[in-house]
Amino acid sequence: MNKPARRGRRTGSPDTRAQILAVARRRFLSDGYDAVTLRAVAAEADVDLALVSYYFGSKKGLFGAALALSANPAEILLHALDGDLATLPQRTLRALLAAWEDPQAGAPLRGMLAGATQDEATAALVKEVIEREMIDKIAARIGGRDAHRRAGAFCAQMAGLIVTRFVLRLEPVASMSADEIVRLFGPPLGLVLGVRPQRPLTATGRP
């Protein structure tokens, strides 16, 4: 006796995950980051919304997976925002440098950057993610007057540093250690954000 056909949306499998990613990548590139929802991707992929959430957690996670990013800059920043505001530039620098220098995570990041320079749709998508998931989040964290402008300038300087070090490989920045980069660029990035750097402690333990 033949088994009755199973009804309802598909459950999880490697093929289902790949189908979700294919739909997500196409929708992100065609509609932009802000317009895409997990519900819309689930509906087009013919899977339950809970399955998309189970695989990818959030829209940031889905975006990173769709672009094959094992380290998503937006998620890295989200973790860096949790902590003392005075050391936010240093935390962000260390986290992003570690991701770009990682042998596995760095290659997809460089691929995304190369795609943004060669394809208008990819460039628009990356721009929207930076605006929504990075600049907006930084502005909300630092607050105050002109927070959005300061957050945008911060991200612009970070992007310039990434291109200088990992794409153009200009010296001496390309050969500096992570500690040197943080020590050199952390204070000016703090000035851009308008946060006060921590004063070094004296031998007595006082600032």
N, C-alpha and C. Protein backbone atom coordinates (compact mmCIF):
# COMPACT_ATOMS: atom_id res chain seq x y z
N MET A 1 0.85 -1.18 0.00
CA MET A 1 0.00 0.00 0.00
C MET A 1 0.89 1.24 0.00
N ASN A 2 0.57 2.17 -0.87
CA ASN A 2 1.34 3.39 -0.94
C ASN A 2 1.05 4.26 0.28
N LYS A 3 2.10 4.90 0.76
CA LYS A 3 1.94 5.82 1.89
C LYS A 3 1.30 7.11 1.40
N PRO A 4 0.40 7.69 2.20
CA PRO A 4 -0.21 8.94 1.78
C PRO A 4 0.83 10.04 1.67
N ALA A 5 0.63 10.93 0.72
CA ALA A 5 1.55 12.05 0.53
C ALA A 5 1.55 12.93 1.76
N ARG A 6 2.75 13.32 2.17
CA ARG A 6 2.86 14.17 3.35
C ARG A 6 2.50 15.60 2.98
N ARG A 7 1.65 16.19 3.79
CA ARG A 7 1.23 17.56 3.53
C ARG A 7 1.94 18.52 4.47
N GLY A 8 1.82 19.79 4.14
CA GLY A 8 2.43 20.81 4.96
C GLY A 8 3.79 21.22 4.43
N ARG A 9 4.37 22.21 5.07
CA ARG A 9 5.65 22.71 4.62
C ARG A 9 6.77 21.77 5.00
N ARG A 10 7.87 21.90 4.26
CA ARG A 10 8.98 21.00 4.46
C ARG A 10 9.68 21.22 5.79
N THR A 11 10.20 20.12 6.34
CA THR A 11 10.99 20.21 7.56
C THR A 11 12.45 20.36 7.19
N GLY A 12 13.30 20.46 8.20
CA GLY A 12 14.69 20.77 7.95
C GLY A 12 15.48 19.64 7.31
N SER A 13 16.41 20.00 6.42
CA SER A 13 17.35 19.09 5.79
C SER A 13 18.41 19.96 5.13
N PRO A 14 19.56 19.38 4.77
CA PRO A 14 20.57 20.19 4.06
C PRO A 14 20.02 20.85 2.81
N ASP A 15 19.18 20.12 2.05
CA ASP A 15 18.59 20.70 0.84
C ASP A 15 17.67 21.87 1.18
N THR A 16 16.91 21.72 2.25
CA THR A 16 16.01 22.80 2.67
C THR A 16 16.80 24.03 3.06
N ARG A 17 17.86 23.84 3.80
CA ARG A 17 18.71 24.97 4.19
C ARG A 17 19.27 25.67 2.96
N ALA A 18 19.75 24.90 2.00
CA ALA A 18 20.29 25.48 0.78
C ALA A 18 19.23 26.27 0.03
N GLN A 19 17.99 25.74 0.01
CA GLN A 19 16.90 26.43 -0.67
C GLN A 19 16.58 27.76 0.02
N ILE A 20 16.57 27.75 1.34
CA ILE A 20 16.35 29.00 2.08
C ILE A 20 17.42 30.03 1.74
N LEU A 21 18.67 29.59 1.71
CA LEU A 21 19.77 30.50 1.41
C LEU A 21 19.68 31.04 -0.01
N ALA A 22 19.28 30.20 -0.96
CA ALA A 22 19.15 30.65 -2.34
C ALA A 22 18.07 31.73 -2.45
N VAL A 23 16.94 31.49 -1.78
CA VAL A 23 15.86 32.48 -1.79
C VAL A 23 16.32 33.77 -1.11
N ALA A 24 16.97 33.63 0.03
CA ALA A 24 17.41 34.81 0.79
C ALA A 24 18.40 35.64 -0.01
N ARG A 25 19.36 35.00 -0.62
CA ARG A 25 20.36 35.75 -1.39
C ARG A 25 19.70 36.51 -2.54
N ARG A 26 18.81 35.85 -3.24
CA ARG A 26 18.14 36.51 -4.36
C ARG A 26 17.30 37.68 -3.87
N ARG A 27 16.57 37.48 -2.77
CA ARG A 27 15.71 38.53 -2.25
C ARG A 27 16.51 39.71 -1.71
N PHE A 28 17.60 39.42 -1.02
CA PHE A 28 18.44 40.50 -0.51
C PHE A 28 18.99 41.35 -1.66
N LEU A 29 19.47 40.69 -2.71
CA LEU A 29 20.06 41.43 -3.81
C LEU A 29 19.01 42.17 -4.64
N SER A 30 17.81 41.62 -4.73
CA SER A 30 16.78 42.26 -5.56
C SER A 30 15.98 43.30 -4.80
N ASP A 31 15.71 43.06 -3.50
CA ASP A 31 14.81 43.93 -2.73
C ASP A 31 15.52 44.83 -1.74
N GLY A 32 16.78 44.51 -1.42
CA GLY A 32 17.49 45.26 -0.39
C GLY A 32 17.30 44.65 0.97
N TYR A 33 18.16 45.03 1.90
CA TYR A 33 18.17 44.41 3.22
C TYR A 33 16.91 44.72 4.01
N ASP A 34 16.51 45.98 4.02
CA ASP A 34 15.41 46.40 4.89
C ASP A 34 14.08 45.75 4.50
N ALA A 35 13.87 45.54 3.20
CA ALA A 35 12.59 45.04 2.72
C ALA A 35 12.41 43.54 2.94
N VAL A 36 13.49 42.83 3.15
CA VAL A 36 13.41 41.37 3.30
C VAL A 36 13.06 41.02 4.74
N THR A 37 12.13 40.09 4.91
CA THR A 37 11.77 39.59 6.23
C THR A 37 11.96 38.08 6.27
N LEU A 38 12.17 37.55 7.46
CA LEU A 38 12.28 36.09 7.60
C LEU A 38 11.00 35.42 7.15
N ARG A 39 9.86 36.05 7.42
CA ARG A 39 8.57 35.46 7.03
C ARG A 39 8.45 35.35 5.52
N ALA A 40 8.89 36.40 4.81
CA ALA A 40 8.80 36.37 3.34
C ALA A 40 9.72 35.31 2.75
N VAL A 41 10.91 35.17 3.31
CA VAL A 41 11.84 34.15 2.83
C VAL A 41 11.28 32.75 3.10
N ALA A 42 10.71 32.56 4.29
CA ALA A 42 10.13 31.26 4.63
C ALA A 42 8.98 30.91 3.68
N ALA A 43 8.15 31.91 3.38
CA ALA A 43 7.01 31.65 2.50
C ALA A 43 7.47 31.25 1.11
N GLU A 44 8.47 31.95 0.57
CA GLU A 44 8.93 31.63 -0.78
C GLU A 44 9.67 30.30 -0.82
N ALA A 45 10.40 29.99 0.25
CA ALA A 45 11.12 28.71 0.30
C ALA A 45 10.21 27.55 0.69
N ASP A 46 8.94 27.88 1.06
CA ASP A 46 7.95 26.88 1.44
C ASP A 46 8.38 26.09 2.68
N VAL A 47 8.83 26.82 3.69
CA VAL A 47 9.20 26.20 4.96
C VAL A 47 8.56 26.99 6.09
N ASP A 48 8.51 26.41 7.26
CA ASP A 48 7.99 27.12 8.42
C ASP A 48 8.93 28.25 8.83
N LEU A 49 8.36 29.32 9.30
CA LEU A 49 9.16 30.45 9.78
C LEU A 49 10.08 30.01 10.91
N ALA A 50 9.59 29.12 11.76
CA ALA A 50 10.40 28.65 12.89
C ALA A 50 11.66 27.95 12.41
N LEU A 51 11.60 27.33 11.25
CA LEU A 51 12.77 26.63 10.71
C LEU A 51 13.84 27.63 10.28
N VAL A 52 13.42 28.73 9.67
CA VAL A 52 14.38 29.77 9.28
C VAL A 52 15.05 30.34 10.53
N SER A 53 14.25 30.61 11.55
CA SER A 53 14.80 31.13 12.81
C SER A 53 15.73 30.11 13.45
N TYR A 54 15.38 28.84 13.37
CA TYR A 54 16.22 27.79 13.96
C TYR A 54 17.59 27.74 13.28
N TYR A 55 17.59 27.82 11.95
CA TYR A 55 18.84 27.74 11.20
C TYR A 55 19.70 28.99 11.37
N PHE A 56 19.08 30.17 11.32
CA PHE A 56 19.85 31.40 11.17
C PHE A 56 19.67 32.41 12.30
N GLY A 57 18.70 32.22 13.17
CA GLY A 57 18.55 33.05 14.34
C GLY A 57 17.88 34.39 14.10
N SER A 58 18.39 35.16 13.17
CA SER A 58 17.88 36.52 12.93
C SER A 58 18.13 36.89 11.48
N LYS A 59 17.65 38.06 11.10
CA LYS A 59 17.90 38.52 9.72
C LYS A 59 19.39 38.76 9.50
N LYS A 60 20.08 39.26 10.52
CA LYS A 60 21.53 39.43 10.39
C LYS A 60 22.20 38.08 10.12
N GLY A 61 21.77 37.05 10.86
CA GLY A 61 22.33 35.73 10.65
C GLY A 61 22.03 35.18 9.28
N LEU A 62 20.81 35.40 8.81
CA LEU A 62 20.43 34.94 7.48
C LEU A 62 21.24 35.66 6.40
N PHE A 63 21.42 36.96 6.57
CA PHE A 63 22.22 37.73 5.62
C PHE A 63 23.65 37.21 5.55
N GLY A 64 24.25 37.00 6.71
CA GLY A 64 25.62 36.50 6.73
C GLY A 64 25.74 35.14 6.07
N ALA A 65 24.79 34.26 6.33
CA ALA A 65 24.82 32.93 5.72
C ALA A 65 24.56 33.00 4.22
N ALA A 66 23.67 33.88 3.80
CA ALA A 66 23.35 34.01 2.38
C ALA A 66 24.56 34.49 1.59
N LEU A 67 25.39 35.31 2.20
CA LEU A 67 26.61 35.78 1.55
C LEU A 67 27.83 34.96 1.94
N ALA A 68 27.57 33.81 2.57
CA ALA A 68 28.62 32.85 2.95
C ALA A 68 29.64 33.47 3.89
N LEU A 69 29.18 34.31 4.82
CA LEU A 69 30.07 34.94 5.79
C LEU A 69 30.09 34.12 7.06
N SER A 70 31.22 33.50 7.35
CA SER A 70 31.31 32.77 8.61
C SER A 70 31.50 33.73 9.78
N ALA A 71 31.91 34.96 9.49
CA ALA A 71 31.97 36.02 10.49
C ALA A 71 31.24 37.23 9.93
N ASN A 72 30.11 37.57 10.51
CA ASN A 72 29.29 38.67 10.02
C ASN A 72 29.66 39.95 10.76
N PRO A 73 30.16 40.98 10.04
CA PRO A 73 30.56 42.22 10.73
C PRO A 73 29.46 42.83 11.57
N ALA A 74 28.21 42.74 11.13
CA ALA A 74 27.10 43.32 11.90
C ALA A 74 26.94 42.61 13.24
N GLU A 75 27.10 41.29 13.26
CA GLU A 75 26.99 40.55 14.51
C GLU A 75 28.21 40.77 15.40
N ILE A 76 29.38 40.92 14.78
CA ILE A 76 30.58 41.22 15.54
C ILE A 76 30.42 42.55 16.27
N LEU A 77 29.91 43.53 15.54
CA LEU A 77 29.70 44.85 16.14
C LEU A 77 28.69 44.77 17.28
N LEU A 78 27.64 44.00 17.10
CA LEU A 78 26.61 43.89 18.13
C LEU A 78 27.21 43.42 19.45
N HIS A 79 28.12 42.47 19.38
CA HIS A 79 28.78 41.99 20.60
C HIS A 79 29.73 43.05 21.16
N ALA A 80 30.40 43.80 20.27
CA ALA A 80 31.34 44.82 20.73
C ALA A 80 30.64 45.97 21.42
N LEU A 81 29.39 46.23 21.05
CA LEU A 81 28.65 47.33 21.65
C LEU A 81 28.34 47.10 23.13
N ASP A 82 28.38 45.86 23.55
CA ASP A 82 28.05 45.50 24.93
C ASP A 82 29.29 45.67 25.80
N GLY A 83 29.37 46.78 26.49
CA GLY A 83 30.53 47.04 27.34
C GLY A 83 30.73 48.52 27.56
N ASP A 84 31.84 48.86 28.18
CA ASP A 84 32.16 50.25 28.48
C ASP A 84 32.27 51.06 27.20
N LEU A 85 31.56 52.16 27.14
CA LEU A 85 31.56 53.00 25.94
C LEU A 85 32.95 53.57 25.66
N ALA A 86 33.72 53.82 26.72
CA ALA A 86 35.05 54.42 26.55
C ALA A 86 35.99 53.52 25.76
N THR A 87 35.78 52.21 25.82
CA THR A 87 36.67 51.29 25.11
C THR A 87 36.00 50.66 23.89
N LEU A 88 34.88 51.22 23.45
CA LEU A 88 34.19 50.69 22.29
C LEU A 88 35.07 50.67 21.04
N PRO A 89 35.81 51.74 20.72
CA PRO A 89 36.66 51.68 19.52
C PRO A 89 37.68 50.55 19.58
N GLN A 90 38.29 50.34 20.73
CA GLN A 90 39.29 49.28 20.85
C GLN A 90 38.67 47.90 20.70
N ARG A 91 37.51 47.70 21.33
CA ARG A 91 36.84 46.40 21.21
C ARG A 91 36.44 46.12 19.76
N THR A 92 35.90 47.14 19.10
CA THR A 92 35.47 46.96 17.72
C THR A 92 36.66 46.67 16.81
N LEU A 93 37.74 47.41 17.00
CA LEU A 93 38.94 47.17 16.19
C LEU A 93 39.45 45.74 16.37
N ARG A 94 39.59 45.31 17.61
CA ARG A 94 40.12 43.96 17.85
C ARG A 94 39.22 42.89 17.25
N ALA A 95 37.91 43.05 17.40
CA ALA A 95 36.99 42.04 16.91
C ALA A 95 37.00 41.97 15.39
N LEU A 96 36.99 43.12 14.73
CA LEU A 96 36.97 43.12 13.26
C LEU A 96 38.32 42.66 12.70
N LEU A 97 39.41 43.08 13.31
CA LEU A 97 40.72 42.61 12.84
C LEU A 97 40.83 41.10 12.96
N ALA A 98 40.35 40.55 14.07
CA ALA A 98 40.41 39.10 14.26
C ALA A 98 39.60 38.38 13.19
N ALA A 99 38.44 38.91 12.83
CA ALA A 99 37.61 38.27 11.80
C ALA A 99 38.28 38.32 10.44
N TRP A 100 38.80 39.48 10.07
CA TRP A 100 39.41 39.63 8.75
C TRP A 100 40.72 38.84 8.63
N GLU A 101 41.42 38.65 9.74
CA GLU A 101 42.68 37.92 9.71
C GLU A 101 42.51 36.42 9.83
N ASP A 102 41.32 35.98 10.22
CA ASP A 102 41.05 34.55 10.34
C ASP A 102 41.12 33.89 8.96
N PRO A 103 41.85 32.78 8.82
CA PRO A 103 42.00 32.15 7.50
C PRO A 103 40.67 31.75 6.85
N GLN A 104 39.70 31.31 7.65
CA GLN A 104 38.43 30.87 7.08
C GLN A 104 37.45 32.02 6.93
N ALA A 105 37.36 32.89 7.92
CA ALA A 105 36.38 33.98 7.89
C ALA A 105 36.81 35.11 6.97
N GLY A 106 38.12 35.33 6.83
CA GLY A 106 38.60 36.47 6.06
C GLY A 106 38.30 36.39 4.58
N ALA A 107 38.41 35.20 3.99
CA ALA A 107 38.21 35.07 2.55
C ALA A 107 36.80 35.47 2.11
N PRO A 108 35.73 35.00 2.77
CA PRO A 108 34.39 35.46 2.38
C PRO A 108 34.19 36.96 2.57
N LEU A 109 34.79 37.53 3.60
CA LEU A 109 34.68 38.97 3.82
C LEU A 109 35.33 39.74 2.67
N ARG A 110 36.50 39.29 2.25
CA ARG A 110 37.15 39.94 1.11
C ARG A 110 36.35 39.74 -0.16
N GLY A 111 35.72 38.58 -0.28
CA GLY A 111 34.86 38.33 -1.44
C GLY A 111 33.66 39.27 -1.46
N MET A 112 33.07 39.50 -0.29
CA MET A 112 31.94 40.42 -0.22
C MET A 112 32.38 41.83 -0.60
N LEU A 113 33.54 42.24 -0.12
CA LEU A 113 34.04 43.57 -0.44
C LEU A 113 34.33 43.69 -1.94
N ALA A 114 34.92 42.65 -2.52
CA ALA A 114 35.19 42.68 -3.96
C ALA A 114 33.89 42.73 -4.75
N GLY A 115 32.89 41.98 -4.30
CA GLY A 115 31.60 42.00 -4.98
C GLY A 115 30.95 43.37 -4.92
N ALA A 116 31.13 44.06 -3.79
CA ALA A 116 30.54 45.39 -3.65
C ALA A 116 31.17 46.40 -4.57
N THR A 117 32.44 46.19 -4.95
CA THR A 117 33.11 47.12 -5.86
C THR A 117 32.81 46.82 -7.32
N GLN A 118 32.26 45.64 -7.60
CA GLN A 118 32.05 45.23 -8.98
C GLN A 118 30.58 45.12 -9.38
N ASP A 119 29.69 45.05 -8.40
CA ASP A 119 28.28 44.82 -8.70
C ASP A 119 27.43 45.83 -7.93
N GLU A 120 26.58 46.56 -8.63
CA GLU A 120 25.78 47.60 -8.00
C GLU A 120 24.81 47.05 -6.97
N ALA A 121 24.20 45.91 -7.27
CA ALA A 121 23.24 45.32 -6.33
C ALA A 121 23.92 44.92 -5.03
N THR A 122 25.10 44.30 -5.14
CA THR A 122 25.84 43.92 -3.94
C THR A 122 26.27 45.15 -3.16
N ALA A 123 26.74 46.18 -3.87
CA ALA A 123 27.16 47.41 -3.21
C ALA A 123 26.00 48.05 -2.45
N ALA A 124 24.83 48.09 -3.08
CA ALA A 124 23.66 48.68 -2.42
C ALA A 124 23.25 47.87 -1.20
N LEU A 125 23.35 46.55 -1.30
CA LEU A 125 22.99 45.68 -0.17
C LEU A 125 23.94 45.89 1.00
N VAL A 126 25.25 45.89 0.71
CA VAL A 126 26.24 46.09 1.77
C VAL A 126 26.05 47.46 2.42
N LYS A 127 25.80 48.48 1.60
CA LYS A 127 25.57 49.83 2.12
C LYS A 127 24.38 49.85 3.07
N GLU A 128 23.30 49.19 2.69
CA GLU A 128 22.10 49.19 3.52
C GLU A 128 22.33 48.45 4.83
N VAL A 129 23.07 47.35 4.78
CA VAL A 129 23.37 46.62 6.01
C VAL A 129 24.22 47.46 6.95
N ILE A 130 25.22 48.15 6.40
CA ILE A 130 26.06 49.01 7.22
C ILE A 130 25.23 50.10 7.87
N GLU A 131 24.32 50.70 7.10
CA GLU A 131 23.49 51.77 7.63
C GLU A 131 22.54 51.26 8.71
N ARG A 132 21.85 50.14 8.43
CA ARG A 132 20.80 49.66 9.35
C ARG A 132 21.37 48.93 10.56
N GLU A 133 22.37 48.08 10.32
CA GLU A 133 22.83 47.19 11.38
C GLU A 133 24.11 47.66 12.08
N MET A 134 24.75 48.69 11.53
CA MET A 134 25.98 49.16 12.16
C MET A 134 25.86 50.63 12.56
N ILE A 135 25.66 51.52 11.60
CA ILE A 135 25.60 52.95 11.92
C ILE A 135 24.45 53.25 12.88
N ASP A 136 23.26 52.73 12.56
CA ASP A 136 22.11 52.98 13.43
C ASP A 136 22.33 52.44 14.84
N LYS A 137 22.93 51.25 14.94
CA LYS A 137 23.16 50.63 16.25
C LYS A 137 24.20 51.41 17.04
N ILE A 138 25.27 51.86 16.37
CA ILE A 138 26.29 52.65 17.06
C ILE A 138 25.71 53.97 17.53
N ALA A 139 24.93 54.62 16.67
CA ALA A 139 24.32 55.90 17.04
C ALA A 139 23.43 55.75 18.27
N ALA A 140 22.66 54.68 18.31
CA ALA A 140 21.79 54.45 19.46
C ALA A 140 22.60 54.20 20.72
N ARG A 141 23.75 53.56 20.57
CA ARG A 141 24.58 53.25 21.74
C ARG A 141 25.28 54.49 22.29
N ILE A 142 25.80 55.36 21.42
CA ILE A 142 26.56 56.51 21.91
C ILE A 142 25.64 57.66 22.30
N GLY A 143 24.51 57.81 21.61
CA GLY A 143 23.55 58.86 21.93
C GLY A 143 24.14 60.26 21.78
N GLY A 144 23.36 61.23 22.18
CA GLY A 144 23.83 62.60 22.16
C GLY A 144 23.64 63.28 20.81
N ARG A 145 24.14 64.51 20.75
CA ARG A 145 23.99 65.33 19.56
C ARG A 145 24.80 64.76 18.40
N ASP A 146 24.22 64.78 17.22
CA ASP A 146 24.88 64.30 16.00
C ASP A 146 25.37 62.85 16.12
N ALA A 147 24.67 62.03 16.89
CA ALA A 147 25.12 60.65 17.09
C ALA A 147 25.20 59.89 15.78
N HIS A 148 24.22 60.09 14.90
CA HIS A 148 24.21 59.35 13.65
C HIS A 148 25.38 59.77 12.76
N ARG A 149 25.67 61.07 12.73
CA ARG A 149 26.79 61.54 11.92
C ARG A 149 28.10 60.99 12.46
N ARG A 150 28.28 61.01 13.78
CA ARG A 150 29.50 60.50 14.38
C ARG A 150 29.64 59.00 14.14
N ALA A 151 28.54 58.27 14.22
CA ALA A 151 28.58 56.83 13.96
C ALA A 151 28.95 56.56 12.51
N GLY A 152 28.42 57.37 11.59
CA GLY A 152 28.76 57.20 10.18
C GLY A 152 30.22 57.47 9.91
N ALA A 153 30.77 58.51 10.54
CA ALA A 153 32.19 58.81 10.38
C ALA A 153 33.06 57.70 10.95
N PHE A 154 32.63 57.14 12.08
CA PHE A 154 33.35 56.02 12.69
C PHE A 154 33.41 54.83 11.73
N CYS A 155 32.28 54.47 11.15
CA CYS A 155 32.24 53.34 10.23
C CYS A 155 33.05 53.62 8.96
N ALA A 156 33.05 54.87 8.50
CA ALA A 156 33.83 55.23 7.31
C ALA A 156 35.32 55.04 7.59
N GLN A 157 35.77 55.45 8.77
CA GLN A 157 37.18 55.29 9.10
C GLN A 157 37.54 53.81 9.27
N MET A 158 36.63 53.05 9.87
CA MET A 158 36.88 51.62 10.02
C MET A 158 36.98 50.94 8.65
N ALA A 159 36.08 51.33 7.74
CA ALA A 159 36.10 50.75 6.40
C ALA A 159 37.39 51.11 5.68
N GLY A 160 37.84 52.36 5.83
CA GLY A 160 39.09 52.76 5.21
C GLY A 160 40.28 51.97 5.74
N LEU A 161 40.27 51.71 7.04
CA LEU A 161 41.34 50.92 7.64
C LEU A 161 41.33 49.49 7.11
N ILE A 162 40.15 48.90 7.00
CA ILE A 162 40.04 47.53 6.49
C ILE A 162 40.56 47.45 5.06
N VAL A 163 40.16 48.38 4.21
CA VAL A 163 40.62 48.39 2.82
C VAL A 163 42.13 48.59 2.76
N THR A 164 42.64 49.51 3.56
CA THR A 164 44.08 49.79 3.57
C THR A 164 44.89 48.57 3.97
N ARG A 165 44.42 47.87 4.99
CA ARG A 165 45.20 46.75 5.54
C ARG A 165 45.03 45.46 4.76
N PHE A 166 43.79 45.15 4.35
CA PHE A 166 43.52 43.82 3.80
C PHE A 166 43.32 43.77 2.29
N VAL A 167 43.06 44.90 1.67
CA VAL A 167 42.87 44.91 0.22
C VAL A 167 44.05 45.56 -0.48
N LEU A 168 44.33 46.81 -0.16
CA LEU A 168 45.46 47.51 -0.77
C LEU A 168 46.80 47.07 -0.17
N ARG A 169 46.75 46.61 1.07
CA ARG A 169 47.93 46.17 1.81
C ARG A 169 49.02 47.22 1.80
N LEU A 170 48.63 48.44 2.14
CA LEU A 170 49.57 49.55 2.20
C LEU A 170 50.38 49.48 3.49
N GLU A 171 51.67 49.72 3.36
CA GLU A 171 52.54 49.76 4.52
C GLU A 171 52.58 51.18 5.10
N PRO A 172 52.79 51.30 6.39
CA PRO A 172 53.12 50.23 7.35
C PRO A 172 51.91 49.55 7.97
N VAL A 173 50.70 50.00 7.60
CA VAL A 173 49.50 49.46 8.25
C VAL A 173 49.36 47.96 8.02
N ALA A 174 49.72 47.50 6.81
CA ALA A 174 49.53 46.09 6.49
C ALA A 174 50.35 45.16 7.37
N SER A 175 51.49 45.64 7.85
CA SER A 175 52.37 44.79 8.64
C SER A 175 52.28 45.01 10.14
N MET A 176 51.47 45.96 10.55
CA MET A 176 51.34 46.21 11.98
C MET A 176 50.64 45.06 12.69
N SER A 177 50.99 44.85 13.93
CA SER A 177 50.27 43.87 14.74
C SER A 177 48.92 44.45 15.13
N ALA A 178 48.03 43.57 15.58
CA ALA A 178 46.71 44.04 16.03
C ALA A 178 46.85 45.03 17.18
N ASP A 179 47.81 44.76 18.10
CA ASP A 179 48.01 45.67 19.23
C ASP A 179 48.44 47.05 18.75
N GLU A 180 49.31 47.09 17.75
CA GLU A 180 49.75 48.38 17.21
C GLU A 180 48.61 49.13 16.55
N ILE A 181 47.77 48.40 15.81
CA ILE A 181 46.62 49.03 15.16
C ILE A 181 45.68 49.63 16.20
N VAL A 182 45.40 48.88 17.23
CA VAL A 182 44.48 49.35 18.28
C VAL A 182 45.07 50.55 19.00
N ARG A 183 46.36 50.49 19.26
CA ARG A 183 47.01 51.59 19.98
C ARG A 183 47.04 52.86 19.13
N LEU A 184 47.26 52.72 17.82
CA LEU A 184 47.38 53.88 16.94
C LEU A 184 46.03 54.47 16.55
N PHE A 185 45.06 53.59 16.24
CA PHE A 185 43.78 54.06 15.70
C PHE A 185 42.67 54.17 16.74
N GLY A 186 42.83 53.52 17.89
CA GLY A 186 41.78 53.58 18.90
C GLY A 186 41.46 54.98 19.38
N PRO A 187 42.47 55.78 19.78
CA PRO A 187 42.17 57.13 20.27
C PRO A 187 41.49 58.03 19.26
N PRO A 188 41.98 58.13 18.00
CA PRO A 188 41.26 58.99 17.06
C PRO A 188 39.85 58.50 16.74
N LEU A 189 39.64 57.19 16.75
CA LEU A 189 38.29 56.67 16.55
C LEU A 189 37.39 57.05 17.72
N GLY A 190 37.97 57.09 18.92
CA GLY A 190 37.21 57.54 20.08
C GLY A 190 36.82 59.00 19.97
N LEU A 191 37.71 59.82 19.41
CA LEU A 191 37.39 61.24 19.20
C LEU A 191 36.25 61.40 18.21
N VAL A 192 36.26 60.57 17.16
CA VAL A 192 35.19 60.62 16.17
C VAL A 192 33.85 60.31 16.82
N LEU A 193 33.85 59.30 17.69
CA LEU A 193 32.60 58.91 18.36
C LEU A 193 32.21 59.91 19.45
N GLY A 194 33.17 60.68 19.92
CA GLY A 194 32.88 61.62 21.00
C GLY A 194 32.89 60.96 22.36
N VAL A 195 33.63 59.85 22.48
CA VAL A 195 33.74 59.18 23.79
C VAL A 195 35.11 59.47 24.37
N ARG A 196 35.17 59.57 25.68
CA ARG A 196 36.43 59.86 26.35
C ARG A 196 37.23 58.58 26.55
N PRO A 197 38.48 58.57 26.09
CA PRO A 197 39.30 57.37 26.34
C PRO A 197 39.62 57.23 27.81
N GLN A 198 39.83 55.99 28.24
CA GLN A 198 40.18 55.76 29.63
C GLN A 198 41.59 56.28 29.89
N ARG A 199 41.76 56.99 30.99
CA ARG A 199 43.08 57.48 31.34
C ARG A 199 43.88 56.35 31.95
N PRO A 200 45.17 56.23 31.61
CA PRO A 200 45.98 55.15 32.19
C PRO A 200 46.13 55.34 33.68
N LEU A 201 46.20 54.24 34.39
CA LEU A 201 46.34 54.29 35.84
C LEU A 201 47.79 54.54 36.22
N THR A 202 48.01 55.27 37.30
CA THR A 202 49.34 55.50 37.83
C THR A 202 49.73 54.34 38.72
N ALA A 203 50.95 54.44 39.27
CA ALA A 203 51.42 53.37 40.15
C ALA A 203 50.57 53.26 41.40
N THR A 204 49.88 54.33 41.76
CA THR A 204 49.03 54.29 42.95
C THR A 204 47.67 53.70 42.67
N GLY A 205 47.38 53.41 41.36
CA GLY A 205 46.10 52.86 41.00
C GLY A 205 45.06 53.91 40.72
N ARG A 206 45.48 55.20 40.71
CA ARG A 206 44.55 56.28 40.42
C ARG A 206 44.79 56.86 39.03
N PRO A 207 43.75 57.42 38.38
CA PRO A 207 43.95 58.03 37.08
C PRO A 207 44.88 59.23 37.18
